């Protein structure tokens, strides 16, 4: 990773933190920091993506502003994270999408919605687009299954490849110093830390993070859980529906009590609650440790996820009415935008943070073996 003003400022802060070590038990960053004395720009990228932005170190630090040292790791790490997203993006030229990420994501969403809506207005007969359709295969009478699956499959596959390539680039850049191979126990630890959002719960202390101010709270952790598992429930709903369609011959739409509808409803509600709650936290939080320049991308992802969830729930509620056709267009357009944006928006933080957690788990194993 290239040296920037943010990496240089963070290196200065890290040197002071490494001498102080007051925040040693706060999260995974400080134990990882203590393993060395000098830090490269690659180390800064690793530590920044290992940081969960809980703000605990900022509120505990005796050298935070207005002290002359001005230590503000949450703000500096947030800036480095966005720089790392652009650095490791694949294909390489797509890193420019992170320059004005909020505007780029909202423009992409508007373009995807306009494309799908206009295509349906031009290509779908009015009787199908604005009629009240019901029964098995009603959705496919508006948009053929092959067209729907092709657009979703191609865009999702490309985005998954791009995310994996970004993770590979990040790993090559930040984990080249590792002397140990990745063990199954390290993978299990990293998966557990990611699934439980351990470091949004106060790390080793377990008392929570400083979500809004200097007081401790589990608010952001709970909202992240609701959003994350809501997203997984929606993915599970789509997967189950695909199996029912192709292997059992049961075409959508399904009954209210069917597994795909139950999973999708719970997931969509969870995503909406998580998105609205996290937007509120960002608005209400203490602005001092916040990197204002990166907020656009944060808000854009939350609004994009909320749009996917809301249009999906509305489609479920009004699927047997004349509104179904246009609601289907809006939902598919928002899903298309999300799939295209996955590697080039804030969503990328999930896979880079897991990769950083994996490196941290490998380092901890090595430290426990040597007894240092």
Protein backbone atom coordinates (compact mmCIF):
# COMPACT_ATOMS: atom_id res chain seq x y z
CA UNK A 1 0.00 0.00 0.00
CA UNK A 2 1.26 3.50 -0.82
CA UNK A 3 2.17 5.94 1.93
CA UNK A 4 -0.40 8.71 2.42
CA UNK A 5 -1.04 11.47 4.92
CA UNK A 6 -3.42 9.14 6.76
CA UNK A 7 -0.88 6.29 7.03
CA UNK A 8 1.84 8.67 8.20
CA UNK A 9 -0.43 10.21 10.83
CA UNK A 10 -1.49 6.75 12.02
CA UNK A 11 2.15 5.56 12.20
CA UNK A 12 2.94 8.49 14.50
CA UNK A 13 -0.09 7.66 16.66
CA UNK A 14 0.77 3.96 16.77
CA UNK A 15 4.28 4.70 18.04
CA UNK A 16 2.78 6.63 20.95
CA UNK A 17 0.13 3.95 21.57
CA UNK A 18 2.74 1.21 21.58
CA UNK A 19 4.64 3.04 24.32
CA UNK A 20 1.50 3.65 26.39
CA UNK A 21 -0.42 0.35 25.97
CA UNK A 22 -3.32 1.53 28.15
CA UNK A 23 -5.81 0.16 25.57
CA UNK A 24 -4.20 -3.28 25.33
CA UNK A 25 -7.40 -5.18 26.14
CA UNK A 26 -9.82 -3.06 24.15
CA UNK A 27 -9.77 -4.88 20.80
CA UNK A 28 -7.66 -6.98 18.44
CA UNK A 29 -5.67 -3.99 17.17
CA UNK A 30 -3.52 -3.36 20.24
CA UNK A 31 -2.33 -6.96 20.83
CA UNK A 32 -1.44 -7.11 17.12
CA UNK A 33 0.35 -3.77 17.42
CA UNK A 34 2.44 -5.00 20.35
CA UNK A 35 4.06 -7.74 18.28
CA UNK A 36 6.40 -5.26 16.58
CA UNK A 37 8.17 -1.95 17.07
CA UNK A 38 8.28 -0.48 13.55
CA UNK A 39 5.29 -0.24 11.22
CA UNK A 40 5.10 -0.17 7.43
CA UNK A 41 2.24 1.16 5.33
CA UNK A 42 1.15 -2.47 4.87
CA UNK A 43 0.96 -2.79 8.66
CA UNK A 44 -1.22 0.32 8.75
CA UNK A 45 -3.57 -1.22 6.20
CA UNK A 46 -3.79 -4.42 8.25
CA UNK A 47 -4.40 -2.67 11.57
CA UNK A 48 -6.94 -0.27 10.04
CA UNK A 49 -9.00 -3.16 8.66
CA UNK A 50 -8.65 -5.04 11.94
CA UNK A 51 -10.13 -1.99 13.72
CA UNK A 52 -13.92 -2.22 14.21
CA UNK A 53 -14.28 1.53 14.81
CA UNK A 54 -15.72 1.07 18.29
CA UNK A 55 -14.13 4.39 19.42
CA UNK A 56 -13.15 2.89 22.77
CA UNK A 57 -9.49 3.89 22.43
CA UNK A 58 -10.41 7.47 21.52
CA UNK A 59 -12.52 8.06 24.63
CA UNK A 60 -10.01 6.30 26.90
CA UNK A 61 -6.92 8.02 25.51
CA UNK A 62 -5.22 10.70 27.63
CA UNK A 63 -3.58 12.02 24.46
CA UNK A 64 -6.72 12.48 22.34
CA UNK A 65 -7.70 16.03 21.25
CA UNK A 66 -7.36 18.68 22.58
CA UNK A 67 -4.02 17.24 23.79
CA UNK A 68 -1.08 18.36 21.66
CA UNK A 69 -0.48 14.78 20.49
CA UNK A 70 -3.99 14.70 19.01
CA UNK A 71 -4.28 10.87 18.96
CA UNK A 72 -7.41 9.90 17.04
CA UNK A 73 -6.95 6.34 15.77
CA UNK A 74 -10.62 5.70 14.85
CA UNK A 75 -10.61 8.67 12.49
CA UNK A 76 -7.20 7.88 11.01
CA UNK A 77 -7.99 4.18 10.56
CA UNK A 78 -11.30 4.97 8.87
CA UNK A 79 -9.46 7.08 6.29
CA UNK A 80 -6.87 4.34 5.74
CA UNK A 81 -9.59 1.71 5.29
CA UNK A 82 -11.15 3.60 2.40
CA UNK A 83 -7.69 4.08 0.86
CA UNK A 84 -7.09 0.33 1.22
CA UNK A 85 -10.40 -0.48 -0.50
CA UNK A 86 -9.23 1.49 -3.52
CA UNK A 87 -5.73 0.01 -3.33
CA UNK A 88 -6.85 -3.62 -3.35
CA UNK A 89 -9.91 -3.30 -5.63
CA UNK A 90 -10.10 -5.59 -8.66
CA UNK A 91 -9.85 -4.83 -11.53
CA UNK A 92 -7.25 -2.26 -10.51
CA UNK A 93 -8.84 0.70 -12.27
CA UNK A 94 -12.07 0.30 -10.30
CA UNK A 95 -10.42 1.70 -7.19
CA UNK A 96 -11.42 5.16 -8.38
CA UNK A 97 -15.02 4.28 -7.42
CA UNK A 98 -14.05 4.90 -3.78
CA UNK A 99 -13.03 8.52 -4.38
CA UNK A 100 -16.62 9.81 -4.05
CA UNK A 101 -18.17 6.56 -2.96
CA UNK A 102 -21.51 7.84 -1.71
CA UNK A 103 -22.25 9.70 -4.92
CA UNK A 104 -20.99 6.79 -7.04
CA UNK A 105 -23.19 4.23 -5.28
CA UNK A 106 -26.32 6.38 -5.44
CA UNK A 107 -25.68 7.09 -9.14
CA UNK A 108 -25.27 3.36 -9.78
CA UNK A 109 -28.52 2.63 -7.93
CA UNK A 110 -30.43 5.24 -9.92
CA UNK A 111 -28.97 3.93 -13.21
CA UNK A 112 -29.84 0.30 -12.38
CA UNK A 113 -33.39 1.21 -11.39
CA UNK A 114 -33.88 3.29 -14.53
CA UNK A 115 -32.48 0.51 -16.73
CA UNK A 116 -34.76 -2.19 -15.35
CA UNK A 117 -37.89 -0.01 -15.26
CA UNK A 118 -37.38 1.31 -18.80
CA UNK A 119 -36.60 -2.17 -20.14
CA UNK A 120 -39.80 -3.54 -18.64
CA UNK A 121 -41.88 -0.63 -19.91
CA UNK A 122 -40.53 -1.19 -23.42
CA UNK A 123 -40.46 -4.98 -23.54
CA UNK A 124 -43.19 -6.28 -21.22
CA UNK A 125 -46.83 -6.16 -22.43
CA UNK A 126 -49.04 -3.84 -20.38
CA UNK A 127 -51.36 -6.72 -19.53
CA UNK A 128 -48.52 -8.49 -17.74
CA UNK A 129 -46.80 -5.40 -16.31
CA UNK A 130 -49.91 -3.74 -14.90
CA UNK A 131 -52.23 -6.70 -14.49
CA UNK A 132 -53.11 -8.54 -11.31
CA UNK A 133 -51.33 -11.87 -11.81
CA UNK A 134 -51.52 -14.82 -9.45
CA UNK A 135 -50.73 -18.50 -9.32
CA UNK A 136 -47.53 -20.44 -9.94
CA UNK A 137 -45.07 -18.65 -12.20
CA UNK A 138 -46.77 -15.23 -11.90
CA UNK A 139 -43.41 -13.44 -11.59
CA UNK A 140 -42.07 -15.19 -14.67
CA UNK A 141 -44.99 -13.97 -16.76
CA UNK A 142 -43.61 -10.48 -16.18
CA UNK A 143 -39.90 -11.32 -16.54
CA UNK A 144 -38.88 -14.76 -17.87
CA UNK A 145 -36.88 -16.81 -15.39
CA UNK A 146 -33.93 -17.06 -17.79
CA UNK A 147 -33.60 -13.29 -18.09
CA UNK A 148 -33.91 -12.80 -14.32
CA UNK A 149 -31.40 -15.53 -13.51
CA UNK A 150 -28.90 -14.44 -16.17
CA UNK A 151 -28.64 -10.83 -14.97
CA UNK A 152 -28.51 -11.81 -11.30
CA UNK A 153 -26.12 -14.72 -11.83
CA UNK A 154 -23.61 -12.88 -14.02
CA UNK A 155 -23.45 -9.75 -11.85
CA UNK A 156 -23.25 -11.69 -8.58
CA UNK A 157 -20.55 -14.02 -9.92
CA UNK A 158 -18.45 -11.08 -11.11
CA UNK A 159 -18.82 -9.32 -7.76
CA UNK A 160 -17.87 -12.43 -5.80
CA UNK A 161 -14.77 -12.89 -7.96
CA UNK A 162 -13.87 -9.21 -7.50
CA UNK A 163 -14.29 -9.50 -3.70
CA UNK A 164 -12.12 -12.61 -3.54
CA UNK A 165 -9.45 -10.95 -5.67
CA UNK A 166 -9.49 -7.91 -3.36
CA UNK A 167 -9.04 -10.24 -0.37
CA UNK A 168 -6.16 -11.98 -2.16
CA UNK A 169 -4.49 -8.63 -2.91
CA UNK A 170 -4.93 -7.54 0.71
CA UNK A 171 -3.53 -10.82 2.04
CA UNK A 172 -0.50 -10.71 -0.25
CA UNK A 173 0.26 -7.15 0.80
CA UNK A 174 -0.27 -7.47 4.55
CA UNK A 175 0.42 -11.12 5.44
CA UNK A 176 3.75 -11.64 3.66
CA UNK A 177 5.56 -11.38 7.02
CA UNK A 178 3.73 -14.36 8.53
CA UNK A 179 6.01 -17.27 9.38
CA UNK A 180 3.20 -19.72 10.21
CA UNK A 181 0.75 -21.43 7.91
CA UNK A 182 -2.99 -20.98 8.34
CA UNK A 183 -4.39 -23.66 10.65
CA UNK A 184 -7.99 -24.85 10.94
CA UNK A 185 -8.12 -23.49 14.48
CA UNK A 186 -7.11 -20.02 13.22
CA UNK A 187 -9.85 -20.16 10.59
CA UNK A 188 -12.34 -21.25 13.24
CA UNK A 189 -11.28 -18.39 15.53
CA UNK A 190 -11.58 -15.81 12.75
CA UNK A 191 -15.01 -17.13 11.74
CA UNK A 192 -16.18 -17.01 15.36
CA UNK A 193 -14.86 -13.45 15.84
CA UNK A 194 -16.62 -12.35 12.64
CA UNK A 195 -19.90 -14.17 13.29
CA UNK A 196 -20.22 -12.87 16.85
CA UNK A 197 -18.83 -9.40 16.04
CA UNK A 198 -16.64 -9.92 19.07
CA UNK A 199 -14.80 -6.61 18.78
CA UNK A 200 -18.00 -4.59 18.64
CA UNK A 201 -18.68 -5.95 22.11
CA UNK A 202 -15.67 -4.43 23.79
CA UNK A 203 -13.14 -7.12 22.85
CA UNK A 204 -11.58 -8.69 25.91
CA UNK A 205 -13.47 -6.44 28.31
CA UNK A 206 -16.93 -7.39 26.99
CA UNK A 207 -18.44 -4.14 28.26
CA UNK A 208 -19.44 -2.83 24.85
CA UNK A 209 -18.17 0.01 22.70
CA UNK A 210 -18.55 3.79 22.72
CA UNK A 211 -21.25 3.86 20.08
CA UNK A 212 -22.65 7.33 20.81
CA UNK A 213 -20.41 8.94 23.45
CA UNK A 214 -18.02 7.97 26.23
CA UNK A 215 -20.55 5.56 27.79
CA UNK A 216 -20.42 1.88 26.90
CA UNK A 217 -23.11 0.24 24.79
CA UNK A 218 -23.86 -2.84 22.67
CA UNK A 219 -26.24 -0.88 20.42
CA UNK A 220 -24.12 -0.91 17.27
CA UNK A 221 -23.19 -4.55 17.75
CA UNK A 222 -26.84 -5.59 18.05
CA UNK A 223 -27.85 -3.53 15.01
CA UNK A 224 -25.01 -5.02 12.98
CA UNK A 225 -26.16 -8.49 14.03
CA UNK A 226 -29.74 -7.77 13.00
CA UNK A 227 -28.59 -6.40 9.62
CA UNK A 228 -26.01 -9.12 8.95
CA UNK A 229 -28.22 -12.06 9.83
CA UNK A 230 -31.19 -10.44 8.11
CA UNK A 231 -29.07 -10.34 4.95
CA UNK A 232 -28.14 -14.01 5.39
CA UNK A 233 -31.81 -14.94 5.92
CA UNK A 234 -32.73 -13.22 2.64
CA UNK A 235 -29.93 -15.09 0.89
CA UNK A 236 -31.18 -18.35 2.45
CA UNK A 237 -34.71 -17.52 1.27
CA UNK A 238 -33.52 -17.09 -2.32
CA UNK A 239 -31.48 -20.30 -2.13
CA UNK A 240 -34.39 -22.35 -0.77
CA UNK A 241 -36.74 -20.91 -3.40
CA UNK A 242 -34.25 -21.88 -6.14
CA UNK A 243 -34.10 -25.45 -4.85
CA UNK A 244 -37.90 -25.66 -4.63
CA UNK A 245 -38.26 -24.33 -8.16
CA UNK A 246 -35.63 -26.44 -9.92
CA UNK A 247 -35.67 -29.68 -7.96
CA UNK A 248 -39.28 -29.87 -6.77
CA UNK A 249 -40.96 -27.98 -9.61
CA UNK A 250 -42.73 -25.55 -7.24
CA UNK A 251 -42.69 -22.11 -8.80
CA UNK A 252 -43.01 -18.80 -7.00
CA UNK A 253 -44.91 -17.02 -5.60
CA UNK A 254 -45.14 -19.21 -2.52
CA UNK A 255 -47.64 -19.22 0.33
CA UNK A 256 -47.28 -16.96 3.35
CA UNK A 257 -46.22 -19.89 5.53
CA UNK A 258 -43.69 -21.39 3.13
CA UNK A 259 -40.02 -21.50 4.12
CA UNK A 260 -38.81 -18.98 1.48
CA UNK A 261 -41.46 -16.42 2.47
CA UNK A 262 -40.85 -16.80 6.21
CA UNK A 263 -37.08 -16.54 5.80
CA UNK A 264 -37.38 -13.60 3.40
CA UNK A 265 -39.87 -11.74 5.59
CA UNK A 266 -37.77 -12.09 8.73
CA UNK A 267 -34.63 -11.20 6.79
CA UNK A 268 -36.17 -8.15 5.14
CA UNK A 269 -37.53 -6.82 8.44
CA UNK A 270 -34.15 -7.41 10.09
CA UNK A 271 -32.33 -5.58 7.32
CA UNK A 272 -34.67 -2.58 7.58
CA UNK A 273 -34.30 -2.39 11.37
CA UNK A 274 -30.52 -2.71 11.11
CA UNK A 275 -30.18 -0.08 8.37
CA UNK A 276 -32.42 2.49 10.05
CA UNK A 277 -30.76 1.90 13.42
CA UNK A 278 -27.23 2.21 12.10
CA UNK A 279 -28.09 5.40 10.22
CA UNK A 280 -29.45 6.80 13.50
CA UNK A 281 -26.24 5.80 15.32
CA UNK A 282 -24.12 7.56 12.69
CA UNK A 283 -26.18 10.73 13.02
CA UNK A 284 -26.31 10.72 16.83
CA UNK A 285 -22.73 9.65 17.59
CA UNK A 286 -19.99 11.93 18.89
CA UNK A 287 -18.51 13.45 15.70
CA UNK A 288 -14.99 13.92 17.11
CA UNK A 289 -13.59 10.45 16.21
CA UNK A 290 -15.55 10.24 12.93
CA UNK A 291 -13.87 10.62 9.54
CA UNK A 292 -16.46 12.82 7.81
CA UNK A 293 -15.01 12.21 4.34
CA UNK A 294 -15.92 8.49 4.41
CA UNK A 295 -19.49 8.83 5.68
CA UNK A 296 -20.98 9.08 2.18
CA UNK A 297 -20.07 5.49 1.37
CA UNK A 298 -21.43 4.29 4.73
CA UNK A 299 -24.78 5.97 4.21
CA UNK A 300 -24.97 4.83 0.58
CA UNK A 301 -24.58 1.15 1.49
CA UNK A 302 -27.16 1.36 4.26
CA UNK A 303 -29.65 3.12 1.98
CA UNK A 304 -29.00 0.58 -0.78
CA UNK A 305 -29.59 -2.37 1.58
CA UNK A 306 -32.70 -0.69 2.98
CA UNK A 307 -34.04 -0.19 -0.56
CA UNK A 308 -33.53 -3.89 -1.39
CA UNK A 309 -35.31 -4.93 1.81
CA UNK A 310 -38.17 -2.45 1.48
CA UNK A 311 -38.93 -3.22 -2.18
CA UNK A 312 -38.78 -6.94 -1.41
CA UNK A 313 -41.27 -6.62 1.44
CA UNK A 314 -43.58 -4.42 -0.65
CA UNK A 315 -43.42 -6.95 -3.48
CA UNK A 316 -44.43 -9.67 -1.05
CA UNK A 317 -47.35 -7.64 0.31
CA UNK A 318 -48.72 -6.53 -3.08
CA UNK A 319 -47.75 -9.50 -5.26
CA UNK A 320 -51.36 -10.31 -6.17
CA UNK A 321 -52.26 -6.73 -7.16
CA UNK A 322 -51.68 -4.63 -10.31
CA UNK A 323 -48.71 -3.02 -8.50
CA UNK A 324 -46.74 -6.28 -8.66
CA UNK A 325 -45.09 -5.62 -12.05
CA UNK A 326 -43.57 -2.25 -11.15
CA UNK A 327 -42.63 -3.41 -7.65
CA UNK A 328 -40.83 -6.37 -9.24
CA UNK A 329 -38.96 -3.92 -11.50
CA UNK A 330 -37.93 -1.76 -8.53
CA UNK A 331 -36.83 -4.74 -6.47
CA UNK A 332 -34.80 -6.32 -9.27
CA UNK A 333 -33.24 -2.94 -10.11
CA UNK A 334 -32.16 -2.41 -6.50
CA UNK A 335 -30.78 -5.97 -6.31
CA UNK A 336 -28.88 -5.43 -9.56
CA UNK A 337 -27.35 -2.22 -8.16
CA UNK A 338 -26.37 -4.00 -4.92
CA UNK A 339 -24.72 -6.88 -6.76
CA UNK A 340 -22.74 -4.49 -8.97
CA UNK A 341 -21.71 -2.35 -5.99
CA UNK A 342 -20.55 -5.16 -3.67
CA UNK A 343 -16.81 -4.92 -4.50
CA UNK A 344 -16.76 -1.13 -4.87
CA UNK A 345 -18.67 0.10 -1.82
CA UNK A 346 -18.52 -0.23 1.96
CA UNK A 347 -19.58 -3.89 1.66
CA UNK A 348 -15.95 -4.74 0.86
CA UNK A 349 -15.04 -4.01 4.48
CA UNK A 350 -16.58 -7.33 5.52
CA UNK A 351 -14.22 -9.53 3.54
CA UNK A 352 -11.11 -7.41 4.23
CA UNK A 353 -11.93 -7.31 7.94
CA UNK A 354 -12.35 -11.09 8.02
CA UNK A 355 -8.99 -11.45 6.27
CA UNK A 356 -7.43 -9.17 8.89
CA UNK A 357 -9.06 -11.21 11.67
CA UNK A 358 -7.59 -14.36 10.14
CA UNK A 359 -4.08 -12.89 10.15
CA UNK A 360 -4.58 -11.80 13.78
CA UNK A 361 -5.67 -15.33 14.73
CA UNK A 362 -2.58 -16.81 13.06
CA UNK A 363 -0.34 -14.33 14.88
CA UNK A 364 -1.96 -15.12 18.23
CA UNK A 365 -1.37 -18.83 17.68
CA UNK A 366 2.29 -18.16 16.99
CA UNK A 367 2.59 -16.01 20.08
CA UNK A 368 0.97 -18.64 22.31
CA UNK A 369 3.29 -21.36 20.95
CA UNK A 370 6.44 -19.34 21.59
CA UNK A 371 5.11 -18.15 24.95
CA UNK A 372 5.99 -14.54 24.22
